[in-house]
Amino acid sequence: MGRLFYGAAQPPILIEDRALAHLKIVVTTKLRRNESFTLSWIHKDGEAPGRSTIWLHPSIPLRFVFDETEAPTLNRRWIEELSQTLSSTGGVCLTAEIIDPTEGGESERAGGGR
């Protein structure tokens, strides 16, 4: 389970490593352009029900911590979907991964993007 540390907020936001790796690409691209935006997600099972949103700003420290030592192979389609949500007024919303049926996936979405 990966962790996203944002500013002085404690505890960190828990996000599965694979989802966090994809989110890292989208978030750092936006922050590199010196743009602010929101990040929203649905709480995982075992947490209080609901959803959360944070405001991401280039001047606030951000750290991605992964449990896995190897970086995963990235899913371009999932990155594109996450990037498209940035264009909306709602900011980026962490969604489930889109699995390409030609890559052996039986469903369109897999868990991990909460």
PDB file of N, CA and C in Angstrom:
ATOM      1  N   MET A   1       0.853  -1.171   0.000  1.00  0.00           N
ATOM      2  CA  MET A   1       0.000   0.000   0.000  1.00  0.00           C
ATOM      3  C   MET A   1       0.895   1.230   0.000  1.00  0.00           C
ATOM      4  N   GLY A   2       0.706   2.076  -0.974  1.00  0.00           N
ATOM      5  CA  GLY A   2       1.479   3.302  -1.066  1.00  0.00           C
ATOM      6  C   GLY A   2       0.905   4.379  -0.161  1.00  0.00           C
ATOM      7  N   ARG A   3       1.676   5.424   0.018  1.00  0.00           N
ATOM      8  CA  ARG A   3       1.262   6.529   0.865  1.00  0.00           C
ATOM      9  C   ARG A   3       1.574   7.844   0.171  1.00  0.00           C
ATOM     10  N   LEU A   4       0.627   8.756   0.259  1.00  0.00           N
ATOM     11  CA  LEU A   4       0.796  10.096  -0.285  1.00  0.00           C
ATOM     12  C   LEU A   4       0.835  11.054   0.897  1.00  0.00           C
ATOM     13  N   PHE A   5       1.979  11.692   1.079  1.00  0.00           N
ATOM     14  CA  PHE A   5       2.138  12.685   2.139  1.00  0.00           C
ATOM     15  C   PHE A   5       1.950  14.055   1.505  1.00  0.00           C
ATOM     16  N   TYR A   6       1.049  14.847   2.074  1.00  0.00           N
ATOM     17  CA  TYR A   6       0.765  16.165   1.515  1.00  0.00           C
ATOM     18  C   TYR A   6       0.897  17.201   2.614  1.00  0.00           C
ATOM     19  N   GLY A   7       1.862  18.081   2.467  1.00  0.00           N
ATOM     20  CA  GLY A   7       2.097  19.105   3.477  1.00  0.00           C
ATOM     21  C   GLY A   7       2.369  18.468   4.824  1.00  0.00           C
ATOM     22  N   ALA A   8       1.811  19.044   5.869  1.00  0.00           N
ATOM     23  CA  ALA A   8       1.998  18.526   7.224  1.00  0.00           C
ATOM     24  C   ALA A   8       0.857  17.610   7.638  1.00  0.00           C
ATOM     25  N   ALA A   9      -0.037  17.288   6.711  1.00  0.00           N
ATOM     26  CA  ALA A   9      -1.203  16.461   7.031  1.00  0.00           C
ATOM     27  C   ALA A   9      -0.773  15.080   7.506  1.00  0.00           C
ATOM     28  N   GLN A  10      -1.377  14.627   8.573  1.00  0.00           N
ATOM     29  CA  GLN A  10      -1.139  13.282   9.101  1.00  0.00           C
ATOM     30  C   GLN A  10      -2.487  12.664   9.393  1.00  0.00           C
ATOM     31  N   PRO A  11      -2.715  11.442   9.216  1.00  0.00           N
ATOM     32  CA  PRO A  11      -1.812  10.457   8.618  1.00  0.00           C
ATOM     33  C   PRO A  11      -1.763  10.624   7.101  1.00  0.00           C
ATOM     34  N   PRO A  12      -0.857   9.904   6.438  1.00  0.00           N
ATOM     35  CA  PRO A  12      -0.786  10.002   4.977  1.00  0.00           C
ATOM     36  C   PRO A  12      -2.032   9.391   4.337  1.00  0.00           C
ATOM     37  N   ILE A  13      -2.245   9.731   3.090  1.00  0.00           N
ATOM     38  CA  ILE A  13      -3.346   9.161   2.313  1.00  0.00           C
ATOM     39  C   ILE A  13      -2.868   7.813   1.784  1.00  0.00           C
ATOM     40  N   LEU A  14      -3.623   6.748   2.060  1.00  0.00           N
ATOM     41  CA  LEU A  14      -3.253   5.405   1.620  1.00  0.00           C
ATOM     42  C   LEU A  14      -3.852   5.120   0.250  1.00  0.00           C
ATOM     43  N   ILE A  15      -2.994   4.763  -0.694  1.00  0.00           N
ATOM     44  CA  ILE A  15      -3.408   4.457  -2.068  1.00  0.00           C
ATOM     45  C   ILE A  15      -2.574   3.265  -2.524  1.00  0.00           C
ATOM     46  N   GLU A  16      -3.205   2.303  -3.160  1.00  0.00           N
ATOM     47  CA  GLU A  16      -2.466   1.144  -3.649  1.00  0.00           C
ATOM     48  C   GLU A  16      -1.320   1.602  -4.542  1.00  0.00           C
ATOM     49  N   ASP A  17      -0.184   0.896  -4.461  1.00  0.00           N
ATOM     50  CA  ASP A  17       1.023   1.282  -5.196  1.00  0.00           C
ATOM     51  C   ASP A  17       0.769   1.528  -6.678  1.00  0.00           C
ATOM     52  N   ARG A  18       0.044   0.624  -7.326  1.00  0.00           N
ATOM     53  CA  ARG A  18      -0.183   0.757  -8.769  1.00  0.00           C
ATOM     54  C   ARG A  18      -0.967   2.032  -9.081  1.00  0.00           C
ATOM     55  N   ALA A  19      -2.020   2.279  -8.315  1.00  0.00           N
ATOM     56  CA  ALA A  19      -2.815   3.491  -8.518  1.00  0.00           C
ATOM     57  C   ALA A  19      -1.979   4.735  -8.225  1.00  0.00           C
ATOM     58  N   LEU A  20      -1.161   4.673  -7.174  1.00  0.00           N
ATOM     59  CA  LEU A  20      -0.329   5.823  -6.803  1.00  0.00           C
ATOM     60  C   LEU A  20       0.702   6.137  -7.884  1.00  0.00           C
ATOM     61  N   ALA A  21       1.248   5.109  -8.522  1.00  0.00           N
ATOM     62  CA  ALA A  21       2.225   5.325  -9.598  1.00  0.00           C
ATOM     63  C   ALA A  21       1.591   6.078 -10.764  1.00  0.00           C
ATOM     64  N   HIS A  22       0.353   5.730 -11.095  1.00  0.00           N
ATOM     65  CA  HIS A  22      -0.344   6.411 -12.187  1.00  0.00           C
ATOM     66  C   HIS A  22      -0.722   7.833 -11.779  1.00  0.00           C
ATOM     67  N   LEU A  23      -1.188   7.972 -10.548  1.00  0.00           N
ATOM     68  CA  LEU A  23      -1.553   9.293 -10.046  1.00  0.00           C
ATOM     69  C   LEU A  23      -0.336  10.211 -10.008  1.00  0.00           C
ATOM     70  N   LYS A  24       0.816   9.673  -9.651  1.00  0.00           N
ATOM     71  CA  LYS A  24       2.051  10.460  -9.591  1.00  0.00           C
ATOM     72  C   LYS A  24       2.358  11.113 -10.937  1.00  0.00           C
ATOM     73  N   ILE A  25       2.179  10.385 -12.019  1.00  0.00           N
ATOM     74  CA  ILE A  25       2.441  10.930 -13.359  1.00  0.00           C
ATOM     75  C   ILE A  25       1.535  12.124 -13.628  1.00  0.00           C
ATOM     76  N   VAL A  26       0.255  11.958 -13.349  1.00  0.00           N
ATOM     77  CA  VAL A  26      -0.728  13.004 -13.638  1.00  0.00           C
ATOM     78  C   VAL A  26      -0.510  14.225 -12.741  1.00  0.00           C
ATOM     79  N   VAL A  27      -0.312  13.990 -11.455  1.00  0.00           N
ATOM     80  CA  VAL A  27      -0.146  15.087 -10.496  1.00  0.00           C
ATOM     81  C   VAL A  27       1.133  15.870 -10.762  1.00  0.00           C
ATOM     82  N   THR A  28       2.249  15.181 -10.952  1.00  0.00           N
ATOM     83  CA  THR A  28       3.510  15.902 -11.155  1.00  0.00           C
ATOM     84  C   THR A  28       3.522  16.674 -12.467  1.00  0.00           C
ATOM     85  N   THR A  29       2.843  16.152 -13.471  1.00  0.00           N
ATOM     86  CA  THR A  29       2.747  16.890 -14.738  1.00  0.00           C
ATOM     87  C   THR A  29       2.032  18.219 -14.518  1.00  0.00           C
ATOM     88  N   LYS A  30       0.940  18.177 -13.792  1.00  0.00           N
ATOM     89  CA  LYS A  30       0.156  19.390 -13.527  1.00  0.00           C
ATOM     90  C   LYS A  30       0.943  20.374 -12.639  1.00  0.00           C
ATOM     91  N   LEU A  31       1.569  19.867 -11.587  1.00  0.00           N
ATOM     92  CA  LEU A  31       2.310  20.747 -10.682  1.00  0.00           C
ATOM     93  C   LEU A  31       3.544  21.333 -11.354  1.00  0.00           C
ATOM     94  N   ARG A  32       4.141  20.584 -12.263  1.00  0.00           N
ATOM     95  CA  ARG A  32       5.313  21.085 -12.998  1.00  0.00           C
ATOM     96  C   ARG A  32       4.947  22.334 -13.803  1.00  0.00           C
ATOM     97  N   ARG A  33       3.686  22.418 -14.208  1.00  0.00           N
ATOM     98  CA  ARG A  33       3.198  23.592 -14.956  1.00  0.00           C
ATOM     99  C   ARG A  33       2.790  24.724 -14.019  1.00  0.00           C
ATOM    100  N   ASN A  34       3.045  24.519 -12.716  1.00  0.00           N
ATOM    101  CA  ASN A  34       2.708  25.503 -11.692  1.00  0.00           C
ATOM    102  C   ASN A  34       1.202  25.732 -11.591  1.00  0.00           C
ATOM    103  N   GLU A  35       0.429  24.666 -11.770  1.00  0.00           N
ATOM    104  CA  GLU A  35      -1.029  24.741 -11.708  1.00  0.00           C
ATOM    105  C   GLU A  35      -1.537  24.076 -10.437  1.00  0.00           C
ATOM    106  N   SER A  36      -2.571  24.651  -9.844  1.00  0.00           N
ATOM    107  CA  SER A  36      -3.237  24.091  -8.670  1.00  0.00           C
ATOM    108  C   SER A  36      -4.495  23.368  -9.119  1.00  0.00           C
ATOM    109  N   PHE A  37      -4.935  22.386  -8.327  1.00  0.00           N
ATOM    110  CA  PHE A  37      -6.129  21.613  -8.676  1.00  0.00           C
ATOM    111  C   PHE A  37      -6.543  20.780  -7.472  1.00  0.00           C
ATOM    112  N   THR A  38      -7.698  20.140  -7.562  1.00  0.00           N
ATOM    113  CA  THR A  38      -8.150  19.262  -6.487  1.00  0.00           C
ATOM    114  C   THR A  38      -7.910  17.805  -6.859  1.00  0.00           C
ATOM    115  N   LEU A  39      -7.782  16.981  -5.832  1.00  0.00           N
ATOM    116  CA  LEU A  39      -7.670  15.528  -5.972  1.00  0.00           C
ATOM    117  C   LEU A  39      -8.741  14.916  -5.083  1.00  0.00           C
ATOM    118  N   SER A  40      -9.583  14.067  -5.659  1.00  0.00           N
ATOM    119  CA  SER A  40     -10.670  13.434  -4.909  1.00  0.00           C
ATOM    120  C   SER A  40     -10.572  11.921  -5.011  1.00  0.00           C
ATOM    121  N   TRP A  41     -11.058  11.244  -3.988  1.00  0.00           N
ATOM    122  CA  TRP A  41     -11.093   9.784  -3.991  1.00  0.00           C
ATOM    123  C   TRP A  41     -12.202   9.311  -3.060  1.00  0.00           C
ATOM    124  N   ILE A  42     -12.661   8.081  -3.314  1.00  0.00           N
ATOM    125  CA  ILE A  42     -13.656   7.429  -2.469  1.00  0.00           C
ATOM    126  C   ILE A  42     -12.895   6.650  -1.404  1.00  0.00           C
ATOM    127  N   HIS A  43     -13.362   6.713  -0.173  1.00  0.00           N
ATOM    128  CA  HIS A  43     -12.691   6.007   0.916  1.00  0.00           C
ATOM    129  C   HIS A  43     -12.726   4.503   0.683  1.00  0.00           C
ATOM    130  N   LYS A  44     -11.665   3.847   1.070  1.00  0.00           N
ATOM    131  CA  LYS A  44     -11.540   2.397   0.920  1.00  0.00           C
ATOM    132  C   LYS A  44     -12.411   1.674   1.945  1.00  0.00           C
ATOM    133  N   ASP A  45     -12.700   0.395   1.656  1.00  0.00           N
ATOM    134  CA  ASP A  45     -13.395  -0.448   2.621  1.00  0.00           C
ATOM    135  C   ASP A  45     -12.586  -0.474   3.912  1.00  0.00           C
ATOM    136  N   GLY A  46     -13.255  -0.419   5.033  1.00  0.00           N
ATOM    137  CA  GLY A  46     -12.572  -0.411   6.319  1.00  0.00           C
ATOM    138  C   GLY A  46     -12.344   0.993   6.855  1.00  0.00           C
ATOM    139  N   GLU A  47     -12.500   2.008   6.002  1.00  0.00           N
ATOM    140  CA  GLU A  47     -12.394   3.401   6.437  1.00  0.00           C
ATOM    141  C   GLU A  47     -13.801   3.944   6.638  1.00  0.00           C
ATOM    142  N   ALA A  48     -13.895   5.106   7.235  1.00  0.00           N
ATOM    143  CA  ALA A  48     -15.196   5.753   7.364  1.00  0.00           C
ATOM    144  C   ALA A  48     -15.779   5.943   5.965  1.00  0.00           C
ATOM    145  N   PRO A  49     -17.068   5.653   5.772  1.00  0.00           N
ATOM    146  CA  PRO A  49     -17.649   5.806   4.435  1.00  0.00           C
ATOM    147  C   PRO A  49     -17.582   7.254   3.965  1.00  0.00           C
ATOM    148  N   GLY A  50     -17.506   7.424   2.667  1.00  0.00           N
ATOM    149  CA  GLY A  50     -17.515   8.769   2.099  1.00  0.00           C
ATOM    150  C   GLY A  50     -16.409   8.979   1.092  1.00  0.00           C
ATOM    151  N   ARG A  51     -16.100  10.234   0.876  1.00  0.00           N
ATOM    152  CA  ARG A  51     -15.049  10.603  -0.067  1.00  0.00           C
ATOM    153  C   ARG A  51     -14.305  11.804   0.492  1.00  0.00           C
ATOM    154  N   SER A  52     -13.123  12.035  -0.043  1.00  0.00           N
ATOM    155  CA  SER A  52     -12.305  13.166   0.397  1.00  0.00           C
ATOM    156  C   SER A  52     -11.777  13.921  -0.808  1.00  0.00           C
ATOM    157  N   THR A  53     -11.490  15.187  -0.599  1.00  0.00           N
ATOM    158  CA  THR A  53     -10.886  16.037  -1.626  1.00  0.00           C
ATOM    159  C   THR A  53      -9.831  16.908  -0.954  1.00  0.00           C
ATOM    160  N   ILE A  54      -8.683  17.035  -1.609  1.00  0.00           N
ATOM    161  CA  ILE A  54      -7.646  17.955  -1.133  1.00  0.00           C
ATOM    162  C   ILE A  54      -7.295  18.913  -2.268  1.00  0.00           C
ATOM    163  N   TRP A  55      -6.811  20.082  -1.890  1.00  0.00           N
ATOM    164  CA  TRP A  55      -6.360  21.086  -2.845  1.00  0.00           C
ATOM    165  C   TRP A  55      -4.856  20.934  -2.997  1.00  0.00           C
ATOM    166  N   LEU A  56      -4.397  20.654  -4.212  1.00  0.00           N
ATOM    167  CA  LEU A  56      -2.967  20.501  -4.472  1.00  0.00           C
ATOM    168  C   LEU A  56      -2.417  21.791  -5.060  1.00  0.00           C
ATOM    169  N   HIS A  57      -1.324  22.263  -4.473  1.00  0.00           N
ATOM    170  CA  HIS A  57      -0.697  23.507  -4.903  1.00  0.00           C
ATOM    171  C   HIS A  57       0.805  23.274  -5.017  1.00  0.00           C
ATOM    172  N   PRO A  58       1.449  23.844  -6.037  1.00  0.00           N
ATOM    173  CA  PRO A  58       2.883  23.609  -6.244  1.00  0.00           C
ATOM    174  C   PRO A  58       3.777  23.984  -5.059  1.00  0.00           C
ATOM    175  N   SER A  59       3.340  24.895  -4.202  1.00  0.00           N
ATOM    176  CA  SER A  59       4.193  25.330  -3.090  1.00  0.00           C
ATOM    177  C   SER A  59       4.076  24.438  -1.851  1.00  0.00           C
ATOM    178  N   ILE A  60       3.155  23.479  -1.865  1.00  0.00           N
ATOM    179  CA  ILE A  60       2.969  22.604  -0.707  1.00  0.00           C
ATOM    180  C   ILE A  60       3.715  21.295  -0.946  1.00  0.00           C
ATOM    181  N   PRO A  61       4.564  20.876   0.003  1.00  0.00           N
ATOM    182  CA  PRO A  61       5.344  19.647  -0.191  1.00  0.00           C
ATOM    183  C   PRO A  61       4.462  18.420  -0.423  1.00  0.00           C
ATOM    184  N   LEU A  62       4.917  17.572  -1.312  1.00  0.00           N
ATOM    185  CA  LEU A  62       4.191  16.364  -1.701  1.00  0.00           C
ATOM    186  C   LEU A  62       5.205  15.235  -1.811  1.00  0.00           C
ATOM    187  N   ARG A  63       4.884  14.078  -1.204  1.00  0.00           N
ATOM    188  CA  ARG A  63       5.813  12.950  -1.268  1.00  0.00           C
ATOM    189  C   ARG A  63       5.032  11.671  -1.529  1.00  0.00           C
ATOM    190  N   PHE A  64       5.505  10.893  -2.499  1.00  0.00           N
ATOM    191  CA  PHE A  64       4.917   9.608  -2.858  1.00  0.00           C
ATOM    192  C   PHE A  64       5.813   8.514  -2.283  1.00  0.00           C
ATOM    193  N   VAL A  65       5.256   7.595  -1.509  1.00  0.00           N
ATOM    194  CA  VAL A  65       6.023   6.491  -0.928  1.00  0.00           C
ATOM    195  C   VAL A  65       5.374   5.184  -1.370  1.00  0.00           C
ATOM    196  N   PHE A  66       6.194   4.304  -1.939  1.00  0.00           N
ATOM    197  CA  PHE A  66       5.710   3.032  -2.472  1.00  0.00           C
ATOM    198  C   PHE A  66       6.273   1.875  -1.664  1.00  0.00           C
ATOM    199  N   ASP A  67       5.463   0.850  -1.415  1.00  0.00           N
ATOM    200  CA  ASP A  67       5.947  -0.359  -0.751  1.00  0.00           C
ATOM    201  C   ASP A  67       6.752  -1.222  -1.710  1.00  0.00           C
ATOM    202  N   GLU A  68       6.348  -1.252  -2.972  1.00  0.00           N
ATOM    203  CA  GLU A  68       7.036  -2.058  -3.981  1.00  0.00           C
ATOM    204  C   GLU A  68       8.345  -1.383  -4.379  1.00  0.00           C
ATOM    205  N   THR A  69       9.397  -2.165  -4.553  1.00  0.00           N
ATOM    206  CA  THR A  69      10.682  -1.600  -4.967  1.00  0.00           C
ATOM    207  C   THR A  69      10.751  -1.370  -6.470  1.00  0.00           C
ATOM    208  N   GLU A  70      10.002  -2.142  -7.232  1.00  0.00           N
ATOM    209  CA  GLU A  70       9.988  -2.002  -8.692  1.00  0.00           C
ATOM    210  C   GLU A  70       8.799  -1.149  -9.122  1.00  0.00           C
ATOM    211  N   ALA A  71       9.030  -0.240 -10.055  1.00  0.00           N
ATOM    212  CA  ALA A  71       7.933   0.564 -10.604  1.00  0.00           C
ATOM    213  C   ALA A  71       7.078  -0.321 -11.512  1.00  0.00           C
ATOM    214  N   PRO A  72       5.749  -0.179 -11.457  1.00  0.00           N
ATOM    215  CA  PRO A  72       4.895  -1.008 -12.304  1.00  0.00           C
ATOM    216  C   PRO A  72       4.927  -0.536 -13.754  1.00  0.00           C
ATOM    217  N   THR A  73       4.533  -1.419 -14.650  1.00  0.00           N
ATOM    218  CA  THR A  73       4.319  -1.016 -16.035  1.00  0.00           C
ATOM    219  C   THR A  73       3.088  -0.118 -16.035  1.00  0.00           C
ATOM    220  N   LEU A  74       3.202   1.032 -16.658  1.00  0.00           N
ATOM    221  CA  LEU A  74       2.100   1.993 -16.627  1.00  0.00           C
ATOM    222  C   LEU A  74       1.084   1.716 -17.722  1.00  0.00           C
ATOM    223  N   ASN A  75      -0.168   1.985 -17.399  1.00  0.00           N
ATOM    224  CA  ASN A  75      -1.291   1.810 -18.310  1.00  0.00           C
ATOM    225  C   ASN A  75      -1.610   3.186 -18.902  1.00  0.00           C
ATOM    226  N   ARG A  76      -1.240   3.375 -20.148  1.00  0.00           N
ATOM    227  CA  ARG A  76      -1.415   4.679 -20.800  1.00  0.00           C
ATOM    228  C   ARG A  76      -2.873   5.121 -20.806  1.00  0.00           C
ATOM    229  N   ARG A  77      -3.789   4.181 -21.015  1.00  0.00           N
ATOM    230  CA  ARG A  77      -5.212   4.531 -21.080  1.00  0.00           C
ATOM    231  C   ARG A  77      -5.699   5.076 -19.731  1.00  0.00           C
ATOM    232  N   TRP A  78      -5.239   4.480 -18.653  1.00  0.00           N
ATOM    233  CA  TRP A  78      -5.627   4.950 -17.318  1.00  0.00           C
ATOM    234  C   TRP A  78      -5.062   6.344 -17.060  1.00  0.00           C
ATOM    235  N   ILE A  79      -3.820   6.576 -17.448  1.00  0.00           N
ATOM    236  CA  ILE A  79      -3.212   7.904 -17.294  1.00  0.00           C
ATOM    237  C   ILE A  79      -4.008   8.938 -18.086  1.00  0.00           C
ATOM    238  N   GLU A  80      -4.411   8.582 -19.298  1.00  0.00           N
ATOM    239  CA  GLU A  80      -5.203   9.502 -20.124  1.00  0.00           C
ATOM    240  C   GLU A  80      -6.531   9.824 -19.461  1.00  0.00           C
ATOM    241  N   GLU A  81      -7.193   8.807 -18.877  1.00  0.00           N
ATOM    242  CA  GLU A  81      -8.474   9.056 -18.217  1.00  0.00           C
ATOM    243  C   GLU A  81      -8.294   9.967 -17.004  1.00  0.00           C
ATOM    244  N   LEU A  82      -7.273   9.703 -16.209  1.00  0.00           N
ATOM    245  CA  LEU A  82      -7.008  10.563 -15.050  1.00  0.00           C
ATOM    246  C   LEU A  82      -6.691  11.989 -15.500  1.00  0.00           C
ATOM    247  N   SER A  83      -5.926  12.118 -16.567  1.00  0.00           N
ATOM    248  CA  SER A  83      -5.572  13.442 -17.096  1.00  0.00           C
ATOM    249  C   SER A  83      -6.798  14.189 -17.592  1.00  0.00           C
ATOM    250  N   GLN A  84      -7.737  13.465 -18.196  1.00  0.00           N
ATOM    251  CA  GLN A  84      -8.951  14.112 -18.697  1.00  0.00           C
ATOM    252  C   GLN A  84      -9.785  14.677 -17.559  1.00  0.00           C
ATOM    253  N   THR A  85      -9.774  14.011 -16.397  1.00  0.00           N
ATOM    254  CA  THR A  85     -10.551  14.552 -15.280  1.00  0.00           C
ATOM    255  C   THR A  85      -9.963  15.870 -14.790  1.00  0.00           C
ATOM    256  N   LEU A  86      -8.687  16.105 -15.054  1.00  0.00           N
ATOM    257  CA  LEU A  86      -8.068  17.380 -14.671  1.00  0.00           C
ATOM    258  C   LEU A  86      -8.671  18.556 -15.426  1.00  0.00           C
ATOM    259  N   SER A  87      -9.181  18.292 -16.607  1.00  0.00           N
ATOM    260  CA  SER A  87      -9.767  19.360 -17.416  1.00  0.00           C
ATOM    261  C   SER A  87     -11.139  19.765 -16.908  1.00  0.00           C
ATOM    262  N   SER A  88     -11.725  18.953 -16.025  1.00  0.00           N
ATOM    263  CA  SER A  88     -13.047  19.270 -15.501  1.00  0.00           C
ATOM    264  C   SER A  88     -12.918  20.242 -14.329  1.00  0.00           C
ATOM    265  N   THR A  89     -14.029  20.823 -13.942  1.00  0.00           N
ATOM    266  CA  THR A  89     -14.011  21.745 -12.807  1.00  0.00           C
ATOM    267  C   THR A  89     -13.837  20.999 -11.491  1.00  0.00           C
ATOM    268  N   GLY A  90     -14.040  19.690 -11.503  1.00  0.00           N
ATOM    269  CA  GLY A  90     -13.913  18.896 -10.285  1.00  0.00           C
ATOM    270  C   GLY A  90     -12.501  18.449  -9.982  1.00  0.00           C
ATOM    271  N   GLY A  91     -11.541  18.742 -10.838  1.00  0.00           N
ATOM    272  CA  GLY A  91     -10.167  18.307 -10.615  1.00  0.00           C
ATOM    273  C   GLY A  91     -10.002  16.835 -10.905  1.00  0.00           C
ATOM    274  N   VAL A  92      -8.870  16.276 -10.501  1.00  0.00           N
ATOM    275  CA  VAL A  92      -8.599  14.868 -10.785  1.00  0.00           C
ATOM    276  C   VAL A  92      -9.333  13.995  -9.767  1.00  0.00           C
ATOM    277  N   CYS A  93      -9.975  12.958 -10.279  1.00  0.00           N
ATOM    278  CA  CYS A  93     -10.687  12.008  -9.440  1.00  0.00           C
ATOM    279  C   CYS A  93     -10.049  10.645  -9.655  1.00  0.00           C
ATOM    280  N   LEU A  94      -9.541  10.052  -8.593  1.00  0.00           N
ATOM    281  CA  LEU A  94      -8.879   8.760  -8.699  1.00  0.00           C
ATOM    282  C   LEU A  94      -9.919   7.699  -9.024  1.00  0.00           C
ATOM    283  N   THR A  95      -9.823   7.141 -10.224  1.00  0.00           N
ATOM    284  CA  THR A  95     -10.768   6.142 -10.704  1.00  0.00           C
ATOM    285  C   THR A  95     -10.101   4.779 -10.751  1.00  0.00           C
ATOM    286  N   ALA A  96     -10.916   3.752 -10.927  1.00  0.00           N
ATOM    287  CA  ALA A  96     -10.383   2.396 -11.075  1.00  0.00           C
ATOM    288  C   ALA A  96      -9.643   2.287 -12.402  1.00  0.00           C
ATOM    289  N   GLU A  97      -8.680   1.388 -12.441  1.00  0.00           N
ATOM    290  CA  GLU A  97      -7.881   1.193 -13.651  1.00  0.00           C
ATOM    291  C   GLU A  97      -8.719   0.612 -14.775  1.00  0.00           C
ATOM    292  N   ILE A  98      -8.503   1.122 -15.969  1.00  0.00           N
ATOM    293  CA  ILE A  98      -9.138   0.587 -17.168  1.00  0.00           C
ATOM    294  C   ILE A  98      -8.237  -0.517 -17.695  1.00  0.00           C
ATOM    295  N   ILE A  99      -8.800  -1.700 -17.865  1.00  0.00           N
ATOM    296  CA  ILE A  99      -8.046  -2.835 -18.389  1.00  0.00           C
ATOM    297  C   ILE A  99      -8.415  -3.015 -19.853  1.00  0.00           C
ATOM    298  N   ASP A 100      -7.413  -3.097 -20.700  1.00  0.00           N
ATOM    299  CA  ASP A 100      -7.621  -3.330 -22.128  1.00  0.00           C
ATOM    300  C   ASP A 100      -7.895  -4.812 -22.331  1.00  0.00           C
ATOM    301  N   PRO A 101      -9.091  -5.179 -22.861  1.00  0.00           N
ATOM    302  CA  PRO A 101      -9.416  -6.594 -23.065  1.00  0.00           C
ATOM    303  C   PRO A 101      -8.389  -7.324 -23.934  1.00  0.00           C
ATOM    304  N   THR A 102      -7.687  -6.616 -24.804  1.00  0.00           N
ATOM    305  CA  THR A 102      -6.687  -7.268 -25.652  1.00  0.00           C
ATOM    306  C   THR A 102      -5.447  -7.646 -24.858  1.00  0.00           C
ATOM    307  N   GLU A 103      -5.343  -7.140 -23.622  1.00  0.00           N
ATOM    308  CA  GLU A 103      -4.200  -7.464 -22.775  1.00  0.00           C
ATOM    309  C   GLU A 103      -4.541  -8.551 -21.770  1.00  0.00           C
ATOM    310  N   GLY A 104      -5.645  -9.274 -22.011  1.00  0.00           N
ATOM    311  CA  GLY A 104      -5.984 -10.399 -21.157  1.00  0.00           C
ATOM    312  C   GLY A 104      -6.924 -10.069 -20.020  1.00  0.00           C
ATOM    313  N   GLY A 105      -7.375  -8.830 -19.909  1.00  0.00           N
ATOM    314  CA  GLY A 105      -8.310  -8.474 -18.850  1.00  0.00           C
ATOM    315  C   GLY A 105      -9.717  -8.877 -19.240  1.00  0.00           C
ATOM    316  N   GLU A 106     -10.475  -9.410 -18.271  1.00  0.00           N
ATOM    317  CA  GLU A 106     -11.837  -9.820 -18.568  1.00  0.00           C
ATOM    318  C   GLU A 106     -12.827  -8.692 -18.350  1.00  0.00           C
ATOM    319  N   SER A 107     -12.460  -7.715 -17.541  1.00  0.00           N
ATOM    320  CA  SER A 107     -13.383  -6.619 -17.295  1.00  0.00           C
ATOM    321  C   SER A 107     -12.755  -5.315 -17.751  1.00  0.00           C
ATOM    322  N   GLU A 108     -13.590  -4.318 -17.839  1.00  0.00           N
ATOM    323  CA  GLU A 108     -13.108  -3.012 -18.274  1.00  0.00           C
ATOM    324  C   GLU A 108     -12.328  -2.301 -17.176  1.00  0.00           C
ATOM    325  N   ARG A 109     -12.632  -2.597 -15.910  1.00  0.00           N
ATOM    326  CA  ARG A 109     -11.964  -1.902 -14.814  1.00  0.00           C
ATOM    327  C   ARG A 109     -11.483  -2.911 -13.779  1.00  0.00           C
ATOM    328  N   ALA A 110     -10.392  -2.582 -13.182  1.00  0.00           N
ATOM    329  CA  ALA A 110      -9.861  -3.411 -12.100  1.00  0.00           C
ATOM    330  C   ALA A 110      -9.782  -2.571 -10.845  1.00  0.00           C
ATOM    331  N   GLY A 111      -9.736  -3.205  -9.699  1.00  0.00           N
ATOM    332  CA  GLY A 111      -9.648  -2.480  -8.438  1.00  0.00           C
ATOM    333  C   GLY A 111      -8.326  -1.749  -8.320  1.00  0.00           C
ATOM    334  N   GLY A 112      -8.241  -0.917  -7.307  1.00  0.00           N
ATOM    335  CA  GLY A 112      -6.986  -0.232  -7.050  1.00  0.00           C
ATOM    336  C   GLY A 112      -7.072   1.255  -7.217  1.00  0.00           C
ATOM    337  N   GLY A 113      -8.127   1.749  -7.849  1.00  0.00           N
ATOM    338  CA  GLY A 113      -8.217   3.182  -8.030  1.00  0.00           C
ATOM    339  C   GLY A 113      -9.305   3.788  -7.214  1.00  0.00           C
ATOM    340  N   ARG A 114      -9.152   3.749  -5.936  1.00  0.00           N
ATOM    341  CA  ARG A 114     -10.166   4.350  -5.092  1.00  0.00           C
ATOM    342  C   ARG A 114      -9.750   5.710  -4.685  1.00  0.00           C
TER     343      ARG A 114
END
